[in-house]
Structures are given as structure tokens and as C-alpha cells.
Amino acid sequence: MAPVIPINYIELSSADRAASQRFFEKAFGWQFTAHGAGYCSFDNAGVDGGIEQAAENALARPPLVVLYAEDIDAAQAAVEASGGAITVEQFDFPGGRRFHFHEPGGTELAVWGPQKAAG
């Protein structure tokens, strides 16, 4: 049986990130931390998440469910061996590393984990 890789983060995309942040603060009491002009995160909404600024003239994409794995390479291998298709190769970001994939039914998800050790 495969190891459990839990849902850890929900990422929203917005055509107006600042307006979305104000909405969630006012409507639901979410608290945000800014990570530059294009991204903010929240951690008091039942599950951690963030809001990214969509590219100019682009529509916001559907919410992205992000899973967490201690071994991101093993998680990617499991995705591929189980019929998933990698849509965004592994990349580093402040705080970790992640990749995106489509499961066989077409839903896009991501997996993040610790950055690889230098060497």
C-alpha cells in the first residue's frame, strides 16, 4: 500500500489578489501574510493556503490542491507509476520544492516538500 500523502495547502488564483485578500479578511476573518506583491498566504482557515496574482489579462485558474511529501522524488515517481502526468516539473520556491500533475481524470494537483540538500 502506498504511503499516505496528505492535503496540506490550497492555492487560489485571483485577477485582483488584493481585492480577494480583503474579501476573505472581511467575510471570513482570514489573516494573511504578504510574500511580495504577487502572493499572500493564510493559516487560520482550517487548512493553510495562499492567493497568487494571476498573470495580466489572464483569468484566475481553479483552486489548486497541494499535497505534502517528505520525499518529493518518491511522490513524483508514484504519480507517474499510477498514471498521472507531470504538468510542471519540480522547481524550488521559498520554503520548499514542488511539482504539478494531472491525475487520470484531468484534475490538476501539486505536491510540495523540502528542498533538496545542496550537493
PDB file of N, CA and C in Angstrom:
ATOM      1  N   MET A   1       0.847  -1.184   0.000  1.00  0.00           N
ATOM      2  CA  MET A   1       0.000   0.000   0.000  1.00  0.00           C
ATOM      3  C   MET A   1       0.888   1.241   0.000  1.00  0.00           C
ATOM      4  N   ALA A   2       0.495   2.214  -0.777  1.00  0.00           N
ATOM      5  CA  ALA A   2       1.253   3.464  -0.884  1.00  0.00           C
ATOM      6  C   ALA A   2       1.175   4.251   0.423  1.00  0.00           C
ATOM      7  N   PRO A   3       2.236   4.995   0.761  1.00  0.00           N
ATOM      8  CA  PRO A   3       2.168   5.848   1.952  1.00  0.00           C
ATOM      9  C   PRO A   3       1.144   6.963   1.746  1.00  0.00           C
ATOM     10  N   VAL A   4       0.513   7.376   2.821  1.00  0.00           N
ATOM     11  CA  VAL A   4      -0.460   8.469   2.754  1.00  0.00           C
ATOM     12  C   VAL A   4       0.284   9.783   2.558  1.00  0.00           C
ATOM     13  N   ILE A   5      -0.123  10.535   1.549  1.00  0.00           N
ATOM     14  CA  ILE A   5       0.420  11.872   1.297  1.00  0.00           C
ATOM     15  C   ILE A   5      -0.751  12.828   1.472  1.00  0.00           C
ATOM     16  N   PRO A   6      -0.780  13.604   2.576  1.00  0.00           N
ATOM     17  CA  PRO A   6      -1.967  14.393   2.919  1.00  0.00           C
ATOM     18  C   PRO A   6      -2.101  15.702   2.147  1.00  0.00           C
ATOM     19  N   ILE A   7      -3.359  16.158   2.045  1.00  0.00           N
ATOM     20  CA  ILE A   7      -3.619  17.512   1.559  1.00  0.00           C
ATOM     21  C   ILE A   7      -3.055  18.466   2.599  1.00  0.00           C
ATOM     22  N   ASN A   8      -2.301  19.460   2.146  1.00  0.00           N
ATOM     23  CA  ASN A   8      -1.597  20.335   3.064  1.00  0.00           C
ATOM     24  C   ASN A   8      -1.860  21.806   2.808  1.00  0.00           C
ATOM     25  N   TYR A   9      -2.329  22.168   1.610  1.00  0.00           N
ATOM     26  CA  TYR A   9      -2.356  23.579   1.224  1.00  0.00           C
ATOM     27  C   TYR A   9      -3.340  23.738   0.075  1.00  0.00           C
ATOM     28  N   ILE A  10      -4.054  24.838   0.045  1.00  0.00           N
ATOM     29  CA  ILE A  10      -4.946  25.180  -1.058  1.00  0.00           C
ATOM     30  C   ILE A  10      -4.471  26.507  -1.627  1.00  0.00           C
ATOM     31  N   GLU A  11      -4.223  26.552  -2.925  1.00  0.00           N
ATOM     32  CA  GLU A  11      -3.744  27.782  -3.545  1.00  0.00           C
ATOM     33  C   GLU A  11      -4.814  28.335  -4.478  1.00  0.00           C
ATOM     34  N   LEU A  12      -5.182  29.582  -4.244  1.00  0.00           N
ATOM     35  CA  LEU A  12      -6.166  30.276  -5.062  1.00  0.00           C
ATOM     36  C   LEU A  12      -5.447  31.224  -6.005  1.00  0.00           C
ATOM     37  N   SER A  13      -6.039  31.458  -7.148  1.00  0.00           N
ATOM     38  CA  SER A  13      -5.514  32.409  -8.122  1.00  0.00           C
ATOM     39  C   SER A  13      -6.544  33.517  -8.267  1.00  0.00           C
ATOM     40  N   SER A  14      -6.088  34.745  -8.404  1.00  0.00           N
ATOM     41  CA  SER A  14      -7.010  35.873  -8.452  1.00  0.00           C
ATOM     42  C   SER A  14      -6.576  36.890  -9.497  1.00  0.00           C
ATOM     43  N   ALA A  15      -7.550  37.431 -10.224  1.00  0.00           N
ATOM     44  CA  ALA A  15      -7.268  38.524 -11.150  1.00  0.00           C
ATOM     45  C   ALA A  15      -6.939  39.803 -10.384  1.00  0.00           C
ATOM     46  N   ASP A  16      -7.347  39.875  -9.099  1.00  0.00           N
ATOM     47  CA  ASP A  16      -7.052  41.016  -8.230  1.00  0.00           C
ATOM     48  C   ASP A  16      -6.773  40.474  -6.833  1.00  0.00           C
ATOM     49  N   ARG A  17      -5.509  40.092  -6.610  1.00  0.00           N
ATOM     50  CA  ARG A  17      -5.127  39.450  -5.357  1.00  0.00           C
ATOM     51  C   ARG A  17      -5.482  40.289  -4.141  1.00  0.00           C
ATOM     52  N   ALA A  18      -5.227  41.580  -4.190  1.00  0.00           N
ATOM     53  CA  ALA A  18      -5.507  42.454  -3.046  1.00  0.00           C
ATOM     54  C   ALA A  18      -6.998  42.482  -2.733  1.00  0.00           C
ATOM     55  N   ALA A  19      -7.849  42.547  -3.760  1.00  0.00           N
ATOM     56  CA  ALA A  19      -9.301  42.545  -3.539  1.00  0.00           C
ATOM     57  C   ALA A  19      -9.756  41.212  -2.961  1.00  0.00           C
ATOM     58  N   SER A  20      -9.171  40.123  -3.438  1.00  0.00           N
ATOM     59  CA  SER A  20      -9.522  38.810  -2.892  1.00  0.00           C
ATOM     60  C   SER A  20      -9.123  38.724  -1.425  1.00  0.00           C
ATOM     61  N   GLN A  21      -7.929  39.217  -1.105  1.00  0.00           N
ATOM     62  CA  GLN A  21      -7.474  39.200   0.281  1.00  0.00           C
ATOM     63  C   GLN A  21      -8.440  39.981   1.164  1.00  0.00           C
ATOM     64  N   ARG A  22      -8.811  41.186   0.746  1.00  0.00           N
ATOM     65  CA  ARG A  22      -9.748  41.996   1.540  1.00  0.00           C
ATOM     66  C   ARG A  22     -11.078  41.266   1.726  1.00  0.00           C
ATOM     67  N   PHE A  23     -11.576  40.614   0.672  1.00  0.00           N
ATOM     68  CA  PHE A  23     -12.832  39.873   0.755  1.00  0.00           C
ATOM     69  C   PHE A  23     -12.746  38.778   1.816  1.00  0.00           C
ATOM     70  N   PHE A  24     -11.726  37.939   1.759  1.00  0.00           N
ATOM     71  CA  PHE A  24     -11.618  36.823   2.703  1.00  0.00           C
ATOM     72  C   PHE A  24     -11.375  37.303   4.130  1.00  0.00           C
ATOM     73  N   GLU A  25     -10.660  38.422   4.282  1.00  0.00           N
ATOM     74  CA  GLU A  25     -10.485  39.005   5.619  1.00  0.00           C
ATOM     75  C   GLU A  25     -11.832  39.442   6.183  1.00  0.00           C
ATOM     76  N   LYS A  26     -12.592  40.181   5.379  1.00  0.00           N
ATOM     77  CA  LYS A  26     -13.864  40.743   5.839  1.00  0.00           C
ATOM     78  C   LYS A  26     -14.947  39.675   5.989  1.00  0.00           C
ATOM     79  N   ALA A  27     -15.073  38.802   5.019  1.00  0.00           N
ATOM     80  CA  ALA A  27     -16.159  37.818   5.031  1.00  0.00           C
ATOM     81  C   ALA A  27     -15.918  36.670   6.000  1.00  0.00           C
ATOM     82  N   PHE A  28     -14.654  36.225   6.139  1.00  0.00           N
ATOM     83  CA  PHE A  28     -14.385  35.010   6.897  1.00  0.00           C
ATOM     84  C   PHE A  28     -13.347  35.154   8.002  1.00  0.00           C
ATOM     85  N   GLY A  29     -12.768  36.353   8.162  1.00  0.00           N
ATOM     86  CA  GLY A  29     -11.802  36.568   9.229  1.00  0.00           C
ATOM     87  C   GLY A  29     -10.437  35.952   8.992  1.00  0.00           C
ATOM     88  N   TRP A  30     -10.128  35.596   7.753  1.00  0.00           N
ATOM     89  CA  TRP A  30      -8.818  35.015   7.472  1.00  0.00           C
ATOM     90  C   TRP A  30      -7.736  36.071   7.683  1.00  0.00           C
ATOM     91  N   GLN A  31      -6.576  35.635   8.161  1.00  0.00           N
ATOM     92  CA  GLN A  31      -5.433  36.521   8.367  1.00  0.00           C
ATOM     93  C   GLN A  31      -4.350  36.163   7.358  1.00  0.00           C
ATOM     94  N   PHE A  32      -3.727  37.189   6.787  1.00  0.00           N
ATOM     95  CA  PHE A  32      -2.791  36.985   5.686  1.00  0.00           C
ATOM     96  C   PHE A  32      -1.385  37.456   6.027  1.00  0.00           C
ATOM     97  N   THR A  33      -0.409  36.827   5.385  1.00  0.00           N
ATOM     98  CA  THR A  33       0.982  37.249   5.406  1.00  0.00           C
ATOM     99  C   THR A  33       1.385  37.511   3.965  1.00  0.00           C
ATOM    100  N   ALA A  34       1.895  38.715   3.691  1.00  0.00           N
ATOM    101  CA  ALA A  34       2.320  39.067   2.332  1.00  0.00           C
ATOM    102  C   ALA A  34       3.681  38.452   2.037  1.00  0.00           C
ATOM    103  N   HIS A  35       3.841  37.991   0.821  1.00  0.00           N
ATOM    104  CA  HIS A  35       5.118  37.456   0.329  1.00  0.00           C
ATOM    105  C   HIS A  35       5.427  38.166  -0.985  1.00  0.00           C
ATOM    106  N   GLY A  36       5.548  39.476  -0.937  1.00  0.00           N
ATOM    107  CA  GLY A  36       5.721  40.283  -2.131  1.00  0.00           C
ATOM    108  C   GLY A  36       4.366  40.715  -2.659  1.00  0.00           C
ATOM    109  N   ALA A  37       4.379  41.448  -3.765  1.00  0.00           N
ATOM    110  CA  ALA A  37       3.135  41.995  -4.310  1.00  0.00           C
ATOM    111  C   ALA A  37       2.251  40.934  -4.945  1.00  0.00           C
ATOM    112  N   GLY A  38       2.819  39.807  -5.358  1.00  0.00           N
ATOM    113  CA  GLY A  38       2.053  38.836  -6.119  1.00  0.00           C
ATOM    114  C   GLY A  38       1.543  37.637  -5.357  1.00  0.00           C
ATOM    115  N   TYR A  39       1.806  37.564  -4.030  1.00  0.00           N
ATOM    116  CA  TYR A  39       1.398  36.362  -3.305  1.00  0.00           C
ATOM    117  C   TYR A  39       1.197  36.679  -1.828  1.00  0.00           C
ATOM    118  N   CYS A  40       0.199  36.054  -1.241  1.00  0.00           N
ATOM    119  CA  CYS A  40      -0.001  36.132   0.204  1.00  0.00           C
ATOM    120  C   CYS A  40      -0.493  34.771   0.678  1.00  0.00           C
ATOM    121  N   SER A  41      -0.241  34.472   1.938  1.00  0.00           N
ATOM    122  CA  SER A  41      -0.660  33.186   2.491  1.00  0.00           C
ATOM    123  C   SER A  41      -1.573  33.409   3.688  1.00  0.00           C
ATOM    124  N   PHE A  42      -2.367  32.371   3.994  1.00  0.00           N
ATOM    125  CA  PHE A  42      -3.222  32.386   5.181  1.00  0.00           C
ATOM    126  C   PHE A  42      -3.033  31.071   5.920  1.00  0.00           C
ATOM    127  N   ASP A  43      -3.210  31.116   7.250  1.00  0.00           N
ATOM    128  CA  ASP A  43      -3.009  29.892   8.029  1.00  0.00           C
ATOM    129  C   ASP A  43      -4.035  29.712   9.144  1.00  0.00           C
ATOM    130  N   ASN A  44      -5.147  30.416   9.072  1.00  0.00           N
ATOM    131  CA  ASN A  44      -6.167  30.277  10.112  1.00  0.00           C
ATOM    132  C   ASN A  44      -7.539  29.948   9.514  1.00  0.00           C
ATOM    133  N   ALA A  45      -7.555  29.249   8.381  1.00  0.00           N
ATOM    134  CA  ALA A  45      -8.818  28.980   7.684  1.00  0.00           C
ATOM    135  C   ALA A  45      -9.189  27.496   7.699  1.00  0.00           C
ATOM    136  N   GLY A  46      -8.602  26.731   8.602  1.00  0.00           N
ATOM    137  CA  GLY A  46      -8.888  25.304   8.657  1.00  0.00           C
ATOM    138  C   GLY A  46      -7.892  24.475   7.872  1.00  0.00           C
ATOM    139  N   VAL A  47      -7.346  25.033   6.824  1.00  0.00           N
ATOM    140  CA  VAL A  47      -6.242  24.462   6.060  1.00  0.00           C
ATOM    141  C   VAL A  47      -5.410  25.653   5.581  1.00  0.00           C
ATOM    142  N   ASP A  48      -4.103  25.501   5.584  1.00  0.00           N
ATOM    143  CA  ASP A  48      -3.244  26.591   5.124  1.00  0.00           C
ATOM    144  C   ASP A  48      -3.421  26.789   3.627  1.00  0.00           C
ATOM    145  N   GLY A  49      -3.145  28.015   3.176  1.00  0.00           N
ATOM    146  CA  GLY A  49      -3.273  28.282   1.751  1.00  0.00           C
ATOM    147  C   GLY A  49      -2.673  29.605   1.371  1.00  0.00           C
ATOM    148  N   GLY A  50      -2.886  29.966   0.120  1.00  0.00           N
ATOM    149  CA  GLY A  50      -2.365  31.221  -0.387  1.00  0.00           C
ATOM    150  C   GLY A  50      -3.175  31.709  -1.566  1.00  0.00           C
ATOM    151  N   ILE A  51      -2.947  32.960  -1.913  1.00  0.00           N
ATOM    152  CA  ILE A  51      -3.577  33.570  -3.083  1.00  0.00           C
ATOM    153  C   ILE A  51      -2.468  34.158  -3.937  1.00  0.00           C
ATOM    154  N   GLU A  52      -2.447  33.749  -5.210  1.00  0.00           N
ATOM    155  CA  GLU A  52      -1.465  34.297  -6.141  1.00  0.00           C
ATOM    156  C   GLU A  52      -2.153  35.260  -7.091  1.00  0.00           C
ATOM    157  N   GLN A  53      -1.417  36.258  -7.518  1.00  0.00           N
ATOM    158  CA  GLN A  53      -1.896  37.193  -8.529  1.00  0.00           C
ATOM    159  C   GLN A  53      -1.809  36.511  -9.881  1.00  0.00           C
ATOM    160  N   ALA A  54      -2.937  36.392 -10.581  1.00  0.00           N
ATOM    161  CA  ALA A  54      -2.929  35.812 -11.922  1.00  0.00           C
ATOM    162  C   ALA A  54      -2.160  36.730 -12.863  1.00  0.00           C
ATOM    163  N   ALA A  55      -1.606  36.157 -13.898  1.00  0.00           N
ATOM    164  CA  ALA A  55      -0.887  36.947 -14.898  1.00  0.00           C
ATOM    165  C   ALA A  55      -1.820  37.988 -15.503  1.00  0.00           C
ATOM    166  N   GLU A  56      -1.248  39.114 -15.914  1.00  0.00           N
ATOM    167  CA  GLU A  56      -2.043  40.189 -16.508  1.00  0.00           C
ATOM    168  C   GLU A  56      -2.867  39.660 -17.677  1.00  0.00           C
ATOM    169  N   ASN A  57      -4.119  40.064 -17.721  1.00  0.00           N
ATOM    170  CA  ASN A  57      -5.069  39.666 -18.764  1.00  0.00           C
ATOM    171  C   ASN A  57      -5.387  38.173 -18.758  1.00  0.00           C
ATOM    172  N   ALA A  58      -5.054  37.477 -17.678  1.00  0.00           N
ATOM    173  CA  ALA A  58      -5.364  36.050 -17.581  1.00  0.00           C
ATOM    174  C   ALA A  58      -6.504  35.857 -16.594  1.00  0.00           C
ATOM    175  N   LEU A  59      -7.305  34.863 -16.856  1.00  0.00           N
ATOM    176  CA  LEU A  59      -8.364  34.520 -15.917  1.00  0.00           C
ATOM    177  C   LEU A  59      -7.760  33.758 -14.747  1.00  0.00           C
ATOM    178  N   ALA A  60      -8.350  33.907 -13.594  1.00  0.00           N
ATOM    179  CA  ALA A  60      -7.913  33.132 -12.443  1.00  0.00           C
ATOM    180  C   ALA A  60      -8.180  31.656 -12.737  1.00  0.00           C
ATOM    181  N   ARG A  61      -7.270  30.792 -12.328  1.00  0.00           N
ATOM    182  CA  ARG A  61      -7.453  29.356 -12.532  1.00  0.00           C
ATOM    183  C   ARG A  61      -8.230  28.770 -11.354  1.00  0.00           C
ATOM    184  N   PRO A  62      -8.728  27.553 -11.496  1.00  0.00           N
ATOM    185  CA  PRO A  62      -9.424  26.918 -10.369  1.00  0.00           C
ATOM    186  C   PRO A  62      -8.468  26.743  -9.182  1.00  0.00           C
ATOM    187  N   PRO A  63      -9.005  26.564  -7.968  1.00  0.00           N
ATOM    188  CA  PRO A  63      -8.141  26.325  -6.814  1.00  0.00           C
ATOM    189  C   PRO A  63      -7.224  25.126  -7.053  1.00  0.00           C
ATOM    190  N   LEU A  64      -6.021  25.215  -6.531  1.00  0.00           N
ATOM    191  CA  LEU A  64      -5.037  24.148  -6.659  1.00  0.00           C
ATOM    192  C   LEU A  64      -4.871  23.469  -5.307  1.00  0.00           C
ATOM    193  N   VAL A  65      -5.169  22.185  -5.243  1.00  0.00           N
ATOM    194  CA  VAL A  65      -4.958  21.397  -4.030  1.00  0.00           C
ATOM    195  C   VAL A  65      -3.498  20.958  -4.029  1.00  0.00           C
ATOM    196  N   VAL A  66      -2.813  21.210  -2.912  1.00  0.00           N
ATOM    197  CA  VAL A  66      -1.395  20.900  -2.808  1.00  0.00           C
ATOM    198  C   VAL A  66      -1.199  19.868  -1.700  1.00  0.00           C
ATOM    199  N   LEU A  67      -0.533  18.771  -2.042  1.00  0.00           N
ATOM    200  CA  LEU A  67      -0.223  17.706  -1.100  1.00  0.00           C
ATOM    201  C   LEU A  67       1.193  17.908  -0.577  1.00  0.00           C
ATOM    202  N   TYR A  68       1.517  17.260   0.559  1.00  0.00           N
ATOM    203  CA  TYR A  68       2.860  17.373   1.119  1.00  0.00           C
ATOM    204  C   TYR A  68       3.501  15.996   1.204  1.00  0.00           C
ATOM    205  N   ALA A  69       4.749  15.895   0.756  1.00  0.00           N
ATOM    206  CA  ALA A  69       5.515  14.654   0.848  1.00  0.00           C
ATOM    207  C   ALA A  69       6.926  14.962   1.324  1.00  0.00           C
ATOM    208  N   GLU A  70       7.402  14.210   2.302  1.00  0.00           N
ATOM    209  CA  GLU A  70       8.789  14.362   2.755  1.00  0.00           C
ATOM    210  C   GLU A  70       9.762  14.023   1.631  1.00  0.00           C
ATOM    211  N   ASP A  71       9.418  13.026   0.807  1.00  0.00           N
ATOM    212  CA  ASP A  71      10.273  12.607  -0.304  1.00  0.00           C
ATOM    213  C   ASP A  71       9.565  12.950  -1.610  1.00  0.00           C
ATOM    214  N   ILE A  72       9.839  14.131  -2.128  1.00  0.00           N
ATOM    215  CA  ILE A  72       9.137  14.609  -3.319  1.00  0.00           C
ATOM    216  C   ILE A  72       9.477  13.768  -4.549  1.00  0.00           C
ATOM    217  N   ASP A  73      10.695  13.240  -4.623  1.00  0.00           N
ATOM    218  CA  ASP A  73      11.052  12.387  -5.760  1.00  0.00           C
ATOM    219  C   ASP A  73      10.235  11.099  -5.748  1.00  0.00           C
ATOM    220  N   ALA A  74      10.071  10.493  -4.581  1.00  0.00           N
ATOM    221  CA  ALA A  74       9.261   9.275  -4.474  1.00  0.00           C
ATOM    222  C   ALA A  74       7.803   9.571  -4.797  1.00  0.00           C
ATOM    223  N   ALA A  75       7.313  10.733  -4.369  1.00  0.00           N
ATOM    224  CA  ALA A  75       5.930  11.109  -4.676  1.00  0.00           C
ATOM    225  C   ALA A  75       5.747  11.278  -6.179  1.00  0.00           C
ATOM    226  N   GLN A  76       6.710  11.919  -6.849  1.00  0.00           N
ATOM    227  CA  GLN A  76       6.610  12.091  -8.294  1.00  0.00           C
ATOM    228  C   GLN A  76       6.644  10.735  -8.987  1.00  0.00           C
ATOM    229  N   ALA A  77       7.510   9.845  -8.541  1.00  0.00           N
ATOM    230  CA  ALA A  77       7.574   8.508  -9.138  1.00  0.00           C
ATOM    231  C   ALA A  77       6.248   7.774  -8.961  1.00  0.00           C
ATOM    232  N   ALA A  78       5.620   7.917  -7.794  1.00  0.00           N
ATOM    233  CA  ALA A  78       4.332   7.270  -7.541  1.00  0.00           C
ATOM    234  C   ALA A  78       3.242   7.847  -8.437  1.00  0.00           C
ATOM    235  N   VAL A  79       3.259   9.164  -8.629  1.00  0.00           N
ATOM    236  CA  VAL A  79       2.285   9.807  -9.521  1.00  0.00           C
ATOM    237  C   VAL A  79       2.425   9.235 -10.926  1.00  0.00           C
ATOM    238  N   GLU A  80       3.649   9.197 -11.423  1.00  0.00           N
ATOM    239  CA  GLU A  80       3.885   8.716 -12.787  1.00  0.00           C
ATOM    240  C   GLU A  80       3.553   7.233 -12.925  1.00  0.00           C
ATOM    241  N   ALA A  81       3.927   6.421 -11.934  1.00  0.00           N
ATOM    242  CA  ALA A  81       3.663   4.978 -11.987  1.00  0.00           C
ATOM    243  C   ALA A  81       2.174   4.660 -11.895  1.00  0.00           C
ATOM    244  N   SER A  82       1.408   5.595 -11.339  1.00  0.00           N
ATOM    245  CA  SER A  82      -0.032   5.378 -11.164  1.00  0.00           C
ATOM    246  C   SER A  82      -0.863   5.988 -12.286  1.00  0.00           C
ATOM    247  N   GLY A  83      -0.215   6.522 -13.315  1.00  0.00           N
ATOM    248  CA  GLY A  83      -0.939   7.055 -14.465  1.00  0.00           C
ATOM    249  C   GLY A  83      -1.104   8.554 -14.488  1.00  0.00           C
ATOM    250  N   GLY A  84      -0.480   9.276 -13.537  1.00  0.00           N
ATOM    251  CA  GLY A  84      -0.540  10.731 -13.544  1.00  0.00           C
ATOM    252  C   GLY A  84       0.430  11.303 -14.562  1.00  0.00           C
ATOM    253  N   ALA A  85       0.170  12.525 -15.007  1.00  0.00           N
ATOM    254  CA  ALA A  85       1.025  13.201 -15.986  1.00  0.00           C
ATOM    255  C   ALA A  85       1.590  14.471 -15.366  1.00  0.00           C
ATOM    256  N   ILE A  86       2.906  14.587 -15.334  1.00  0.00           N
ATOM    257  CA  ILE A  86       3.560  15.776 -14.782  1.00  0.00           C
ATOM    258  C   ILE A  86       3.299  16.949 -15.725  1.00  0.00           C
ATOM    259  N   THR A  87       2.770  18.045 -15.174  1.00  0.00           N
ATOM    260  CA  THR A  87       2.476  19.234 -15.978  1.00  0.00           C
ATOM    261  C   THR A  87       3.460  20.364 -15.708  1.00  0.00           C
ATOM    262  N   VAL A  88       4.043  20.396 -14.516  1.00  0.00           N
ATOM    263  CA  VAL A  88       5.084  21.363 -14.167  1.00  0.00           C
ATOM    264  C   VAL A  88       6.168  20.578 -13.441  1.00  0.00           C
ATOM    265  N   GLU A  89       7.361  20.550 -14.021  1.00  0.00           N
ATOM    266  CA  GLU A  89       8.479  19.828 -13.415  1.00  0.00           C
ATOM    267  C   GLU A  89       8.833  20.439 -12.056  1.00  0.00           C
ATOM    268  N   GLN A  90       9.565  19.703 -11.250  1.00  0.00           N
ATOM    269  CA  GLN A  90       9.962  20.182  -9.927  1.00  0.00           C
ATOM    270  C   GLN A  90      10.686  21.517 -10.029  1.00  0.00           C
ATOM    271  N   PHE A  91      10.348  22.406  -9.090  1.00  0.00           N
ATOM    272  CA  PHE A  91      11.015  23.706  -9.012  1.00  0.00           C
ATOM    273  C   PHE A  91      11.112  24.109  -7.551  1.00  0.00           C
ATOM    274  N   ASP A  92      12.137  24.901  -7.240  1.00  0.00           N
ATOM    275  CA  ASP A  92      12.319  25.428  -5.891  1.00  0.00           C
ATOM    276  C   ASP A  92      11.519  26.704  -5.734  1.00  0.00           C
ATOM    277  N   PHE A  93      11.044  26.933  -4.527  1.00  0.00           N
ATOM    278  CA  PHE A  93      10.397  28.188  -4.150  1.00  0.00           C
ATOM    279  C   PHE A  93      10.797  28.452  -2.710  1.00  0.00           C
ATOM    280  N   PRO A  94      10.616  29.672  -2.197  1.00  0.00           N
ATOM    281  CA  PRO A  94      10.995  29.937  -0.809  1.00  0.00           C
ATOM    282  C   PRO A  94      10.245  28.987   0.132  1.00  0.00           C
ATOM    283  N   GLY A  95      10.982  28.133   0.794  1.00  0.00           N
ATOM    284  CA  GLY A  95      10.373  27.209   1.743  1.00  0.00           C
ATOM    285  C   GLY A  95      10.256  25.781   1.264  1.00  0.00           C
ATOM    286  N   GLY A  96      10.568  25.506  -0.003  1.00  0.00           N
ATOM    287  CA  GLY A  96      10.437  24.124  -0.445  1.00  0.00           C
ATOM    288  C   GLY A  96      10.638  23.920  -1.928  1.00  0.00           C
ATOM    289  N   ARG A  97      10.068  22.830  -2.388  1.00  0.00           N
ATOM    290  CA  ARG A  97      10.175  22.409  -3.787  1.00  0.00           C
ATOM    291  C   ARG A  97       8.839  21.784  -4.150  1.00  0.00           C
ATOM    292  N   ARG A  98       8.378  21.934  -5.409  1.00  0.00           N
ATOM    293  CA  ARG A  98       7.113  21.308  -5.780  1.00  0.00           C
ATOM    294  C   ARG A  98       7.043  20.998  -7.259  1.00  0.00           C
ATOM    295  N   PHE A  99       6.042  20.165  -7.594  1.00  0.00           N
ATOM    296  CA  PHE A  99       5.712  19.867  -8.983  1.00  0.00           C
ATOM    297  C   PHE A  99       4.198  19.797  -9.092  1.00  0.00           C
ATOM    298  N   HIS A 100       3.690  19.927 -10.331  1.00  0.00           N
ATOM    299  CA  HIS A 100       2.255  19.842 -10.596  1.00  0.00           C
ATOM    300  C   HIS A 100       2.003  18.628 -11.480  1.00  0.00           C
ATOM    301  N   PHE A 101       0.794  18.086 -11.387  1.00  0.00           N
ATOM    302  CA  PHE A 101       0.434  16.943 -12.216  1.00  0.00           C
ATOM    303  C   PHE A 101      -1.070  16.906 -12.447  1.00  0.00           C
ATOM    304  N   HIS A 102      -1.465  16.185 -13.486  1.00  0.00           N
ATOM    305  CA  HIS A 102      -2.872  15.864 -13.719  1.00  0.00           C
ATOM    306  C   HIS A 102      -3.065  14.407 -13.336  1.00  0.00           C
ATOM    307  N   GLU A 103      -4.099  14.128 -12.542  1.00  0.00           N
ATOM    308  CA  GLU A 103      -4.463  12.739 -12.290  1.00  0.00           C
ATOM    309  C   GLU A 103      -5.242  12.257 -13.514  1.00  0.00           C
ATOM    310  N   PRO A 104      -5.457  10.939 -13.687  1.00  0.00           N
ATOM    311  CA  PRO A 104      -6.069  10.437 -14.921  1.00  0.00           C
ATOM    312  C   PRO A 104      -7.418  11.055 -15.281  1.00  0.00           C
ATOM    313  N   GLY A 105      -8.168  11.559 -14.314  1.00  0.00           N
ATOM    314  CA  GLY A 105      -9.453  12.190 -14.601  1.00  0.00           C
ATOM    315  C   GLY A 105      -9.338  13.633 -15.046  1.00  0.00           C
ATOM    316  N   GLY A 106      -8.119  14.209 -15.005  1.00  0.00           N
ATOM    317  CA  GLY A 106      -7.905  15.549 -15.522  1.00  0.00           C
ATOM    318  C   GLY A 106      -7.716  16.647 -14.496  1.00  0.00           C
ATOM    319  N   THR A 107      -7.907  16.365 -13.212  1.00  0.00           N
ATOM    320  CA  THR A 107      -7.734  17.389 -12.184  1.00  0.00           C
ATOM    321  C   THR A 107      -6.251  17.665 -11.965  1.00  0.00           C
ATOM    322  N   GLU A 108      -5.894  18.958 -11.921  1.00  0.00           N
ATOM    323  CA  GLU A 108      -4.511  19.331 -11.620  1.00  0.00           C
ATOM    324  C   GLU A 108      -4.338  19.446 -10.116  1.00  0.00           C
ATOM    325  N   LEU A 109      -3.258  18.879  -9.608  1.00  0.00           N
ATOM    326  CA  LEU A 109      -2.855  18.987  -8.217  1.00  0.00           C
ATOM    327  C   LEU A 109      -1.364  19.282  -8.191  1.00  0.00           C
ATOM    328  N   ALA A 110      -0.834  19.529  -6.995  1.00  0.00           N
ATOM    329  CA  ALA A 110       0.603  19.735  -6.836  1.00  0.00           C
ATOM    330  C   ALA A 110       1.057  18.976  -5.602  1.00  0.00           C
ATOM    331  N   VAL A 111       2.337  18.675  -5.559  1.00  0.00           N
ATOM    332  CA  VAL A 111       2.966  18.084  -4.379  1.00  0.00           C
ATOM    333  C   VAL A 111       4.152  18.963  -4.034  1.00  0.00           C
ATOM    334  N   TRP A 112       4.276  19.294  -2.741  1.00  0.00           N
ATOM    335  CA  TRP A 112       5.445  20.049  -2.307  1.00  0.00           C
ATOM    336  C   TRP A 112       6.131  19.292  -1.191  1.00  0.00           C
ATOM    337  N   GLY A 113       7.399  19.611  -0.991  1.00  0.00           N
ATOM    338  CA  GLY A 113       8.191  19.007   0.066  1.00  0.00           C
ATOM    339  C   GLY A 113       9.425  19.851   0.306  1.00  0.00           C
ATOM    340  N   PRO A 114      10.319  19.341   1.149  1.00  0.00           N
ATOM    341  CA  PRO A 114      11.535  20.098   1.448  1.00  0.00           C
ATOM    342  C   PRO A 114      12.420  20.242   0.210  1.00  0.00           C
ATOM    343  N   GLN A 115      13.211  21.318   0.188  1.00  0.00           N
ATOM    344  CA  GLN A 115      14.181  21.483  -0.895  1.00  0.00           C
ATOM    345  C   GLN A 115      15.233  20.395  -0.779  1.00  0.00           C
ATOM    346  N   LYS A 116      15.793  20.022  -1.922  1.00  0.00           N
ATOM    347  CA  LYS A 116      16.855  19.021  -1.934  1.00  0.00           C
ATOM    348  C   LYS A 116      18.105  19.618  -1.306  1.00  0.00           C
ATOM    349  N   ALA A 117      18.833  18.783  -0.599  1.00  0.00           N
ATOM    350  CA  ALA A 117      20.080  19.229   0.014  1.00  0.00           C
ATOM    351  C   ALA A 117      21.079  19.589  -1.075  1.00  0.00           C
ATOM    352  N   ALA A 118      21.831  20.650  -0.842  1.00  0.00           N
ATOM    353  CA  ALA A 118      22.858  21.061  -1.804  1.00  0.00           C
ATOM    354  C   ALA A 118      23.926  19.982  -1.878  1.00  0.00           C
ATOM    355  N   GLY A 119      24.404  19.748  -3.070  1.00  0.00           N
ATOM    356  CA  GLY A 119      25.472  18.761  -3.172  1.00  0.00           C
ATOM    357  C   GLY A 119      25.497  18.173  -4.465  1.00  0.00           C
TER     358      GLY A 119
END
